[in-house]
């Protein structure tokens, strides 16, 4: 679990006015562009601190993960630094590479992030609307796609109600499902070995408001991202599937009921695993 810290600007800077690009508007959400004057020598540090930074130290899975948020607008607390442009300002000090000026004008556009970054925002737009669960989904974008799976009820177990005759064809039965995509941004390393430990498992307790056994981690994808300081991080997308019935339950061919098949040792088809550990690991 990361230590999440607000952005801290450690260099001297000064805000400029409309003649250098100050502007605000809606498209459709509010945004504001603020120009800042900063010493050229402090430019790199200023840019990193504005955009936020994810760092990790120590052993993978057991080290210290720190996440500095992007700079928060001082007037509208829901807006954070998003896009940044830099223009040279003042005298040209070094005409050859690395070129340098005395100052730079840094134009920062603040927007509402596409995912929750503050504890106060957690809940209403989360897969789980429980605030405690939702706080573990900060810095993660979330999408849900509803659907259904169809299961054939074998013809050996059903008859026609009008005359009791056996149905000589399988009867399809609809079961509600939903696919959840939870995408974590700027995760500090590739978590492949950890995720492989959840293959062929289902949740062993209520998870994000859904009952035991009804959620399965079905897939994951990673895409390399770049931190504000040029270091690498990962965008990790976890795909879960919720099913109306426990994933370990199957339709019996003899009585049209859901039941749990076991092997000779008493094992279910899928192992039950602690999915709350997944939330803690990525949040």
C-alpha atoms as a PDB file:
ATOM      1  CA  UNK A   1       0.000   0.000   0.000  1.00  0.00           C
ATOM      2  CA  UNK A   2       1.511   3.352  -0.993  1.00  0.00           C
ATOM      3  CA  UNK A   3       2.151   6.336   1.194  1.00  0.00           C
ATOM      4  CA  UNK A   4       0.179   8.996  -0.706  1.00  0.00           C
ATOM      5  CA  UNK A   5       1.429  12.534  -0.242  1.00  0.00           C
ATOM      6  CA  UNK A   6       0.234  15.877  -1.588  1.00  0.00           C
ATOM      7  CA  UNK A   7       2.471  17.692  -4.033  1.00  0.00           C
ATOM      8  CA  UNK A   8       5.109  19.832  -2.355  1.00  0.00           C
ATOM      9  CA  UNK A   9       6.786  22.554  -4.399  1.00  0.00           C
ATOM     10  CA  UNK A  10      10.292  23.065  -3.065  1.00  0.00           C
ATOM     11  CA  UNK A  11      11.528  25.736  -5.490  1.00  0.00           C
ATOM     12  CA  UNK A  12      10.722  29.435  -5.729  1.00  0.00           C
ATOM     13  CA  UNK A  13       8.141  30.423  -8.335  1.00  0.00           C
ATOM     14  CA  UNK A  14       5.769  33.293  -9.075  1.00  0.00           C
ATOM     15  CA  UNK A  15       2.357  33.227 -10.705  1.00  0.00           C
ATOM     16  CA  UNK A  16       1.896  35.432 -13.783  1.00  0.00           C
ATOM     17  CA  UNK A  17      -1.214  36.951 -15.360  1.00  0.00           C
ATOM     18  CA  UNK A  18      -3.259  36.930 -18.553  1.00  0.00           C
ATOM     19  CA  UNK A  19      -0.426  38.374 -20.637  1.00  0.00           C
ATOM     20  CA  UNK A  20       1.403  35.078 -20.134  1.00  0.00           C
ATOM     21  CA  UNK A  21      -1.594  32.795 -20.667  1.00  0.00           C
ATOM     22  CA  UNK A  22      -3.771  32.768 -17.552  1.00  0.00           C
ATOM     23  CA  UNK A  23      -7.205  31.435 -18.562  1.00  0.00           C
ATOM     24  CA  UNK A  24     -10.123  29.393 -17.299  1.00  0.00           C
ATOM     25  CA  UNK A  25     -13.200  27.743 -18.736  1.00  0.00           C
ATOM     26  CA  UNK A  26     -15.412  24.649 -19.075  1.00  0.00           C
ATOM     27  CA  UNK A  27     -15.196  21.827 -21.675  1.00  0.00           C
ATOM     28  CA  UNK A  28     -17.510  20.530 -20.138  1.00  0.00           C
ATOM     29  CA  UNK A  29     -15.724  20.272 -16.791  1.00  0.00           C
ATOM     30  CA  UNK A  30     -13.925  23.267 -15.274  1.00  0.00           C
ATOM     31  CA  UNK A  31     -10.275  23.846 -16.076  1.00  0.00           C
ATOM     32  CA  UNK A  32      -7.797  26.590 -15.362  1.00  0.00           C
ATOM     33  CA  UNK A  33      -4.412  27.452 -16.882  1.00  0.00           C
ATOM     34  CA  UNK A  34      -1.918  29.176 -14.607  1.00  0.00           C
ATOM     35  CA  UNK A  35       1.430  30.518 -15.846  1.00  0.00           C
ATOM     36  CA  UNK A  36       4.357  30.450 -13.414  1.00  0.00           C
ATOM     37  CA  UNK A  37       7.783  32.088 -13.608  1.00  0.00           C
ATOM     38  CA  UNK A  38      10.596  29.873 -12.345  1.00  0.00           C
ATOM     39  CA  UNK A  39      14.377  29.917 -12.521  1.00  0.00           C
ATOM     40  CA  UNK A  40      15.753  27.826 -15.381  1.00  0.00           C
ATOM     41  CA  UNK A  41      18.006  26.010 -12.910  1.00  0.00           C
ATOM     42  CA  UNK A  42      14.917  24.866 -10.965  1.00  0.00           C
ATOM     43  CA  UNK A  43      12.866  23.918 -14.033  1.00  0.00           C
ATOM     44  CA  UNK A  44      13.327  20.125 -13.926  1.00  0.00           C
ATOM     45  CA  UNK A  45      12.520  19.911 -10.227  1.00  0.00           C
ATOM     46  CA  UNK A  46       9.485  22.150 -10.661  1.00  0.00           C
ATOM     47  CA  UNK A  47       8.072  20.023 -13.491  1.00  0.00           C
ATOM     48  CA  UNK A  48       8.421  16.771 -11.545  1.00  0.00           C
ATOM     49  CA  UNK A  49       6.786  18.256  -8.456  1.00  0.00           C
ATOM     50  CA  UNK A  50       3.907  19.652 -10.511  1.00  0.00           C
ATOM     51  CA  UNK A  51       3.117  16.366 -12.250  1.00  0.00           C
ATOM     52  CA  UNK A  52       3.557  14.090  -9.230  1.00  0.00           C
ATOM     53  CA  UNK A  53       5.824  11.080  -8.938  1.00  0.00           C
ATOM     54  CA  UNK A  54       5.647   7.420  -7.984  1.00  0.00           C
ATOM     55  CA  UNK A  55       8.744   5.963  -6.320  1.00  0.00           C
ATOM     56  CA  UNK A  56       9.584   2.546  -4.892  1.00  0.00           C
ATOM     57  CA  UNK A  57      12.522   1.401  -2.794  1.00  0.00           C
ATOM     58  CA  UNK A  58      13.396  -1.951  -1.298  1.00  0.00           C
ATOM     59  CA  UNK A  59      12.398  -5.510  -2.135  1.00  0.00           C
ATOM     60  CA  UNK A  60       9.607  -6.005  -4.672  1.00  0.00           C
ATOM     61  CA  UNK A  61       6.354  -6.548  -2.803  1.00  0.00           C
ATOM     62  CA  UNK A  62       7.833  -5.628   0.566  1.00  0.00           C
ATOM     63  CA  UNK A  63       9.446  -2.236  -0.035  1.00  0.00           C
ATOM     64  CA  UNK A  64       8.303   1.355   0.413  1.00  0.00           C
ATOM     65  CA  UNK A  65       5.987   2.799  -2.229  1.00  0.00           C
ATOM     66  CA  UNK A  66       5.492   6.566  -2.231  1.00  0.00           C
ATOM     67  CA  UNK A  67       3.041   8.371  -4.458  1.00  0.00           C
ATOM     68  CA  UNK A  68       3.177  12.149  -4.678  1.00  0.00           C
ATOM     69  CA  UNK A  69      -0.019  13.529  -6.171  1.00  0.00           C
ATOM     70  CA  UNK A  70      -0.017  16.101  -8.975  1.00  0.00           C
ATOM     71  CA  UNK A  71      -0.111  19.704  -7.823  1.00  0.00           C
ATOM     72  CA  UNK A  72      -3.559  20.722  -6.613  1.00  0.00           C
ATOM     73  CA  UNK A  73      -5.054  24.024  -7.695  1.00  0.00           C
ATOM     74  CA  UNK A  74      -5.135  26.375  -4.736  1.00  0.00           C
ATOM     75  CA  UNK A  75      -8.613  27.736  -5.487  1.00  0.00           C
ATOM     76  CA  UNK A  76     -10.477  24.713  -6.893  1.00  0.00           C
ATOM     77  CA  UNK A  77      -9.416  21.695  -4.830  1.00  0.00           C
ATOM     78  CA  UNK A  78     -10.938  19.233  -7.318  1.00  0.00           C
ATOM     79  CA  UNK A  79      -8.462  20.264 -10.047  1.00  0.00           C
ATOM     80  CA  UNK A  80      -4.945  18.841 -10.391  1.00  0.00           C
ATOM     81  CA  UNK A  81      -2.036  19.588 -12.726  1.00  0.00           C
ATOM     82  CA  UNK A  82      -2.636  17.834 -16.040  1.00  0.00           C
ATOM     83  CA  UNK A  83      -0.890  19.313 -19.084  1.00  0.00           C
ATOM     84  CA  UNK A  84       2.206  21.505 -18.954  1.00  0.00           C
ATOM     85  CA  UNK A  85       4.037  23.647 -21.514  1.00  0.00           C
ATOM     86  CA  UNK A  86       7.307  25.539 -21.082  1.00  0.00           C
ATOM     87  CA  UNK A  87       8.476  28.747 -22.776  1.00  0.00           C
ATOM     88  CA  UNK A  88      11.929  30.293 -22.296  1.00  0.00           C
ATOM     89  CA  UNK A  89      11.972  33.668 -20.559  1.00  0.00           C
ATOM     90  CA  UNK A  90      14.736  36.191 -20.054  1.00  0.00           C
ATOM     91  CA  UNK A  91      18.299  36.180 -21.283  1.00  0.00           C
ATOM     92  CA  UNK A  92      19.838  33.329 -23.259  1.00  0.00           C
ATOM     93  CA  UNK A  93      22.712  32.238 -21.019  1.00  0.00           C
ATOM     94  CA  UNK A  94      24.159  29.325 -23.006  1.00  0.00           C
ATOM     95  CA  UNK A  95      23.601  29.286 -26.791  1.00  0.00           C
ATOM     96  CA  UNK A  96      24.874  25.703 -27.183  1.00  0.00           C
ATOM     97  CA  UNK A  97      23.605  22.421 -25.772  1.00  0.00           C
ATOM     98  CA  UNK A  98      22.513  22.213 -23.080  1.00  0.00           C
ATOM     99  CA  UNK A  99      20.821  25.504 -23.946  1.00  0.00           C
ATOM    100  CA  UNK A 100      19.776  27.607 -20.955  1.00  0.00           C
ATOM    101  CA  UNK A 101      17.895  30.797 -20.223  1.00  0.00           C
ATOM    102  CA  UNK A 102      17.647  32.785 -17.037  1.00  0.00           C
ATOM    103  CA  UNK A 103      13.998  31.813 -16.450  1.00  0.00           C
ATOM    104  CA  UNK A 104      11.090  29.827 -17.852  1.00  0.00           C
ATOM    105  CA  UNK A 105       7.359  30.413 -18.033  1.00  0.00           C
ATOM    106  CA  UNK A 106       5.590  27.188 -17.125  1.00  0.00           C
ATOM    107  CA  UNK A 107       1.915  27.030 -18.148  1.00  0.00           C
ATOM    108  CA  UNK A 108       0.005  24.450 -16.125  1.00  0.00           C
ATOM    109  CA  UNK A 109      -3.542  23.441 -16.996  1.00  0.00           C
ATOM    110  CA  UNK A 110      -5.434  22.012 -14.032  1.00  0.00           C
ATOM    111  CA  UNK A 111      -8.279  19.553 -14.689  1.00  0.00           C
ATOM    112  CA  UNK A 112     -10.362  17.019 -12.804  1.00  0.00           C
ATOM    113  CA  UNK A 113      -8.541  13.648 -13.014  1.00  0.00           C
ATOM    114  CA  UNK A 114     -10.450  10.776 -14.657  1.00  0.00           C
ATOM    115  CA  UNK A 115     -10.141   8.758 -11.424  1.00  0.00           C
ATOM    116  CA  UNK A 116     -10.549   9.569  -7.737  1.00  0.00           C
ATOM    117  CA  UNK A 117      -7.417  10.838  -6.012  1.00  0.00           C
ATOM    118  CA  UNK A 118      -8.842  12.130  -2.721  1.00  0.00           C
ATOM    119  CA  UNK A 119     -10.423  10.178   0.109  1.00  0.00           C
ATOM    120  CA  UNK A 120     -13.346  12.615   0.165  1.00  0.00           C
ATOM    121  CA  UNK A 121     -14.268  11.593  -3.410  1.00  0.00           C
ATOM    122  CA  UNK A 122     -14.322   7.836  -2.750  1.00  0.00           C
ATOM    123  CA  UNK A 123     -17.630   6.029  -2.990  1.00  0.00           C
ATOM    124  CA  UNK A 124     -20.352   7.276  -5.358  1.00  0.00           C
ATOM    125  CA  UNK A 125     -18.513   6.433  -8.600  1.00  0.00           C
ATOM    126  CA  UNK A 126     -16.837   3.253  -7.423  1.00  0.00           C
ATOM    127  CA  UNK A 127     -17.693  -0.386  -8.189  1.00  0.00           C
ATOM    128  CA  UNK A 128     -18.218  -0.680  -4.458  1.00  0.00           C
ATOM    129  CA  UNK A 129     -20.024   2.334  -3.085  1.00  0.00           C
ATOM    130  CA  UNK A 130     -18.884   1.465   0.412  1.00  0.00           C
ATOM    131  CA  UNK A 131     -16.472   4.321   1.287  1.00  0.00           C
ATOM    132  CA  UNK A 132     -14.008   1.958   2.976  1.00  0.00           C
ATOM    133  CA  UNK A 133     -13.725  -0.245  -0.114  1.00  0.00           C
ATOM    134  CA  UNK A 134     -13.715   2.741  -2.447  1.00  0.00           C
ATOM    135  CA  UNK A 135     -10.751   4.308  -0.673  1.00  0.00           C
ATOM    136  CA  UNK A 136      -8.732   1.301  -1.822  1.00  0.00           C
ATOM    137  CA  UNK A 137      -9.597   2.149  -5.424  1.00  0.00           C
ATOM    138  CA  UNK A 138      -8.117   5.647  -5.454  1.00  0.00           C
ATOM    139  CA  UNK A 139      -5.869   6.298  -8.455  1.00  0.00           C
ATOM    140  CA  UNK A 140      -7.734   3.564 -10.351  1.00  0.00           C
ATOM    141  CA  UNK A 141     -10.143   4.013 -13.227  1.00  0.00           C
ATOM    142  CA  UNK A 142     -13.148   1.674 -13.131  1.00  0.00           C
ATOM    143  CA  UNK A 143     -15.495   0.369 -15.808  1.00  0.00           C
ATOM    144  CA  UNK A 144     -18.377  -2.113 -15.685  1.00  0.00           C
ATOM    145  CA  UNK A 145     -19.964  -4.003 -18.559  1.00  0.00           C
ATOM    146  CA  UNK A 146     -23.089  -5.989 -17.810  1.00  0.00           C
ATOM    147  CA  UNK A 147     -24.106  -9.106 -19.675  1.00  0.00           C
ATOM    148  CA  UNK A 148     -25.192 -12.706 -19.380  1.00  0.00           C
ATOM    149  CA  UNK A 149     -23.968 -16.268 -19.800  1.00  0.00           C
ATOM    150  CA  UNK A 150     -26.192 -19.019 -21.112  1.00  0.00           C
ATOM    151  CA  UNK A 151     -26.059 -22.516 -19.673  1.00  0.00           C
ATOM    152  CA  UNK A 152     -27.791 -25.489 -21.241  1.00  0.00           C
ATOM    153  CA  UNK A 153     -30.071 -27.385 -18.915  1.00  0.00           C
ATOM    154  CA  UNK A 154     -29.699 -31.047 -20.001  1.00  0.00           C
ATOM    155  CA  UNK A 155     -32.849 -32.567 -21.442  1.00  0.00           C
ATOM    156  CA  UNK A 156     -32.644 -35.444 -18.950  1.00  0.00           C
ATOM    157  CA  UNK A 157     -33.781 -33.238 -16.054  1.00  0.00           C
ATOM    158  CA  UNK A 158     -36.761 -31.332 -17.418  1.00  0.00           C
ATOM    159  CA  UNK A 159     -40.240 -32.202 -18.660  1.00  0.00           C
ATOM    160  CA  UNK A 160     -43.057 -30.264 -20.240  1.00  0.00           C
ATOM    161  CA  UNK A 161     -45.524 -28.999 -17.621  1.00  0.00           C
ATOM    162  CA  UNK A 162     -48.588 -29.631 -19.803  1.00  0.00           C
ATOM    163  CA  UNK A 163     -48.218 -33.395 -20.102  1.00  0.00           C
ATOM    164  CA  UNK A 164     -45.043 -34.423 -18.270  1.00  0.00           C
ATOM    165  CA  UNK A 165     -43.314 -35.495 -21.473  1.00  0.00           C
ATOM    166  CA  UNK A 166     -39.549 -35.365 -21.478  1.00  0.00           C
ATOM    167  CA  UNK A 167     -37.961 -32.368 -23.217  1.00  0.00           C
ATOM    168  CA  UNK A 168     -35.755 -33.794 -25.928  1.00  0.00           C
ATOM    169  CA  UNK A 169     -33.491 -30.819 -26.348  1.00  0.00           C
ATOM    170  CA  UNK A 170     -31.298 -28.800 -23.913  1.00  0.00           C
ATOM    171  CA  UNK A 171     -33.005 -25.728 -22.443  1.00  0.00           C
ATOM    172  CA  UNK A 172     -30.803 -22.583 -22.302  1.00  0.00           C
ATOM    173  CA  UNK A 173     -30.762 -20.780 -18.964  1.00  0.00           C
ATOM    174  CA  UNK A 174     -29.626 -17.182 -18.535  1.00  0.00           C
ATOM    175  CA  UNK A 175     -27.328 -16.135 -15.681  1.00  0.00           C
ATOM    176  CA  UNK A 176     -26.421 -12.487 -15.113  1.00  0.00           C
ATOM    177  CA  UNK A 177     -22.727 -11.530 -15.232  1.00  0.00           C
ATOM    178  CA  UNK A 178     -20.733  -8.292 -15.153  1.00  0.00           C
ATOM    179  CA  UNK A 179     -17.177  -7.594 -16.261  1.00  0.00           C
ATOM    180  CA  UNK A 180     -15.198  -5.136 -14.154  1.00  0.00           C
ATOM    181  CA  UNK A 181     -12.084  -3.428 -15.465  1.00  0.00           C
ATOM    182  CA  UNK A 182     -10.069  -1.824 -12.673  1.00  0.00           C
ATOM    183  CA  UNK A 183      -6.985  -0.016 -13.973  1.00  0.00           C
ATOM    184  CA  UNK A 184      -4.255   1.165 -11.627  1.00  0.00           C
ATOM    185  CA  UNK A 185      -2.058   3.968 -12.906  1.00  0.00           C
ATOM    186  CA  UNK A 186       1.648   4.498 -12.267  1.00  0.00           C
ATOM    187  CA  UNK A 187       2.125   1.243 -10.374  1.00  0.00           C
ATOM    188  CA  UNK A 188       5.864   1.096  -9.586  1.00  0.00           C
ATOM    189  CA  UNK A 189       6.759  -2.365 -10.944  1.00  0.00           C
ATOM    190  CA  UNK A 190       5.500  -5.353 -12.955  1.00  0.00           C
ATOM    191  CA  UNK A 191       3.353  -7.505 -10.621  1.00  0.00           C
ATOM    192  CA  UNK A 192       3.214 -10.685 -12.734  1.00  0.00           C
ATOM    193  CA  UNK A 193       4.252 -13.245 -10.120  1.00  0.00           C
ATOM    194  CA  UNK A 194       1.829 -11.899  -7.537  1.00  0.00           C
ATOM    195  CA  UNK A 195      -1.107 -11.993  -9.939  1.00  0.00           C
ATOM    196  CA  UNK A 196      -0.288 -15.515 -11.095  1.00  0.00           C
ATOM    197  CA  UNK A 197      -1.019 -16.657  -7.541  1.00  0.00           C
ATOM    198  CA  UNK A 198      -4.702 -15.792  -8.100  1.00  0.00           C
ATOM    199  CA  UNK A 199      -5.153 -17.917 -11.223  1.00  0.00           C
ATOM    200  CA  UNK A 200      -8.192 -20.216 -11.044  1.00  0.00           C
ATOM    201  CA  UNK A 201      -9.514 -18.639  -7.843  1.00  0.00           C
ATOM    202  CA  UNK A 202     -12.678 -16.891  -6.651  1.00  0.00           C
ATOM    203  CA  UNK A 203     -13.287 -14.576  -3.710  1.00  0.00           C
ATOM    204  CA  UNK A 204     -13.372 -16.299  -0.307  1.00  0.00           C
ATOM    205  CA  UNK A 205     -15.439 -13.531   1.339  1.00  0.00           C
ATOM    206  CA  UNK A 206     -17.656 -10.620   0.267  1.00  0.00           C
ATOM    207  CA  UNK A 207     -15.652  -8.507  -2.199  1.00  0.00           C
ATOM    208  CA  UNK A 208     -16.584  -4.998  -3.347  1.00  0.00           C
ATOM    209  CA  UNK A 209     -20.133  -5.612  -2.187  1.00  0.00           C
ATOM    210  CA  UNK A 210     -20.561  -9.002  -3.912  1.00  0.00           C
ATOM    211  CA  UNK A 211     -21.101 -12.346  -2.224  1.00  0.00           C
ATOM    212  CA  UNK A 212     -18.476 -14.997  -1.575  1.00  0.00           C
ATOM    213  CA  UNK A 213     -17.563 -17.050  -4.641  1.00  0.00           C
ATOM    214  CA  UNK A 214     -19.245 -14.769  -7.200  1.00  0.00           C
ATOM    215  CA  UNK A 215     -16.136 -12.817  -8.331  1.00  0.00           C
ATOM    216  CA  UNK A 216     -13.271 -14.263 -10.372  1.00  0.00           C
ATOM    217  CA  UNK A 217     -10.055 -12.576 -11.535  1.00  0.00           C
ATOM    218  CA  UNK A 218     -10.186 -13.620 -15.187  1.00  0.00           C
ATOM    219  CA  UNK A 219      -7.449 -11.555 -16.860  1.00  0.00           C
ATOM    220  CA  UNK A 220      -4.835  -8.854 -16.396  1.00  0.00           C
ATOM    221  CA  UNK A 221      -2.837  -6.580 -18.683  1.00  0.00           C
ATOM    222  CA  UNK A 222       0.107  -4.256 -18.096  1.00  0.00           C
ATOM    223  CA  UNK A 223       1.307  -1.317 -20.178  1.00  0.00           C
ATOM    224  CA  UNK A 224       4.506   0.558 -19.449  1.00  0.00           C
ATOM    225  CA  UNK A 225       4.028   4.170 -18.389  1.00  0.00           C
ATOM    226  CA  UNK A 226       6.570   6.921 -17.855  1.00  0.00           C
ATOM    227  CA  UNK A 227       6.899   8.827 -14.595  1.00  0.00           C
ATOM    228  CA  UNK A 228       7.338  12.590 -14.517  1.00  0.00           C
ATOM    229  CA  UNK A 229      11.076  12.117 -13.852  1.00  0.00           C
ATOM    230  CA  UNK A 230      11.509   9.757 -16.831  1.00  0.00           C
ATOM    231  CA  UNK A 231      11.541   6.534 -14.797  1.00  0.00           C
ATOM    232  CA  UNK A 232       9.233   3.687 -15.757  1.00  0.00           C
ATOM    233  CA  UNK A 233       6.037   2.524 -14.097  1.00  0.00           C
ATOM    234  CA  UNK A 234       3.113   0.305 -15.064  1.00  0.00           C
ATOM    235  CA  UNK A 235      -0.535   0.719 -15.907  1.00  0.00           C
ATOM    236  CA  UNK A 236      -2.103  -2.464 -14.523  1.00  0.00           C
ATOM    237  CA  UNK A 237      -5.593  -3.462 -15.635  1.00  0.00           C
ATOM    238  CA  UNK A 238      -7.323  -6.195 -13.653  1.00  0.00           C
ATOM    239  CA  UNK A 239     -10.402  -7.776 -15.209  1.00  0.00           C
ATOM    240  CA  UNK A 240     -12.862  -9.432 -12.865  1.00  0.00           C
ATOM    241  CA  UNK A 241     -16.080 -11.208 -13.731  1.00  0.00           C
ATOM    242  CA  UNK A 242     -19.009 -11.299 -11.333  1.00  0.00           C
ATOM    243  CA  UNK A 243     -21.586 -14.055 -11.770  1.00  0.00           C
ATOM    244  CA  UNK A 244     -25.036 -14.314 -10.272  1.00  0.00           C
ATOM    245  CA  UNK A 245     -24.143 -17.760  -8.915  1.00  0.00           C
ATOM    246  CA  UNK A 246     -21.005 -18.907  -7.087  1.00  0.00           C
ATOM    247  CA  UNK A 247     -18.443 -19.904  -9.728  1.00  0.00           C
ATOM    248  CA  UNK A 248     -18.084 -23.272  -8.004  1.00  0.00           C
ATOM    249  CA  UNK A 249     -21.771 -24.094  -8.514  1.00  0.00           C
ATOM    250  CA  UNK A 250     -22.991 -25.948 -11.595  1.00  0.00           C
ATOM    251  CA  UNK A 251     -26.394 -26.973 -12.871  1.00  0.00           C
ATOM    252  CA  UNK A 252     -27.153 -30.563 -11.931  1.00  0.00           C
ATOM    253  CA  UNK A 253     -28.333 -32.643 -14.895  1.00  0.00           C
ATOM    254  CA  UNK A 254     -30.858 -34.502 -12.780  1.00  0.00           C
ATOM    255  CA  UNK A 255     -32.912 -31.840 -11.004  1.00  0.00           C
ATOM    256  CA  UNK A 256     -32.386 -28.368 -12.551  1.00  0.00           C
ATOM    257  CA  UNK A 257     -30.688 -27.032  -9.399  1.00  0.00           C
ATOM    258  CA  UNK A 258     -27.324 -25.407  -8.718  1.00  0.00           C
ATOM    259  CA  UNK A 259     -24.892 -27.502  -6.678  1.00  0.00           C
ATOM    260  CA  UNK A 260     -21.180 -27.692  -5.776  1.00  0.00           C
ATOM    261  CA  UNK A 261     -19.280 -30.562  -7.437  1.00  0.00           C
ATOM    262  CA  UNK A 262     -16.233 -31.874  -5.528  1.00  0.00           C
ATOM    263  CA  UNK A 263     -13.431 -34.261  -6.311  1.00  0.00           C
ATOM    264  CA  UNK A 264     -12.676 -37.340  -4.226  1.00  0.00           C
ATOM    265  CA  UNK A 265     -10.608 -35.214  -1.846  1.00  0.00           C
ATOM    266  CA  UNK A 266     -13.432 -32.734  -1.266  1.00  0.00           C
ATOM    267  CA  UNK A 267     -11.901 -29.958  -3.380  1.00  0.00           C
ATOM    268  CA  UNK A 268     -14.062 -27.554  -5.361  1.00  0.00           C
ATOM    269  CA  UNK A 269     -13.338 -26.706  -9.006  1.00  0.00           C
ATOM    270  CA  UNK A 270     -11.867 -23.299  -8.074  1.00  0.00           C
ATOM    271  CA  UNK A 271      -9.912 -22.387  -4.967  1.00  0.00           C
ATOM    272  CA  UNK A 272     -11.232 -19.641  -2.702  1.00  0.00           C
ATOM    273  CA  UNK A 273      -8.697 -16.822  -2.259  1.00  0.00           C
ATOM    274  CA  UNK A 274      -8.425 -13.594  -0.282  1.00  0.00           C
ATOM    275  CA  UNK A 275      -9.319 -10.964  -2.880  1.00  0.00           C
ATOM    276  CA  UNK A 276      -9.143  -8.200  -0.277  1.00  0.00           C
ATOM    277  CA  UNK A 277      -5.373  -8.730  -0.492  1.00  0.00           C
ATOM    278  CA  UNK A 278      -5.558  -7.676  -4.146  1.00  0.00           C
ATOM    279  CA  UNK A 279      -7.086  -4.339  -3.175  1.00  0.00           C
ATOM    280  CA  UNK A 280      -4.466  -3.766  -0.505  1.00  0.00           C
ATOM    281  CA  UNK A 281      -1.606  -4.744  -2.812  1.00  0.00           C
ATOM    282  CA  UNK A 282      -2.464  -2.203  -5.531  1.00  0.00           C
ATOM    283  CA  UNK A 283      -3.833   0.593  -3.388  1.00  0.00           C
END
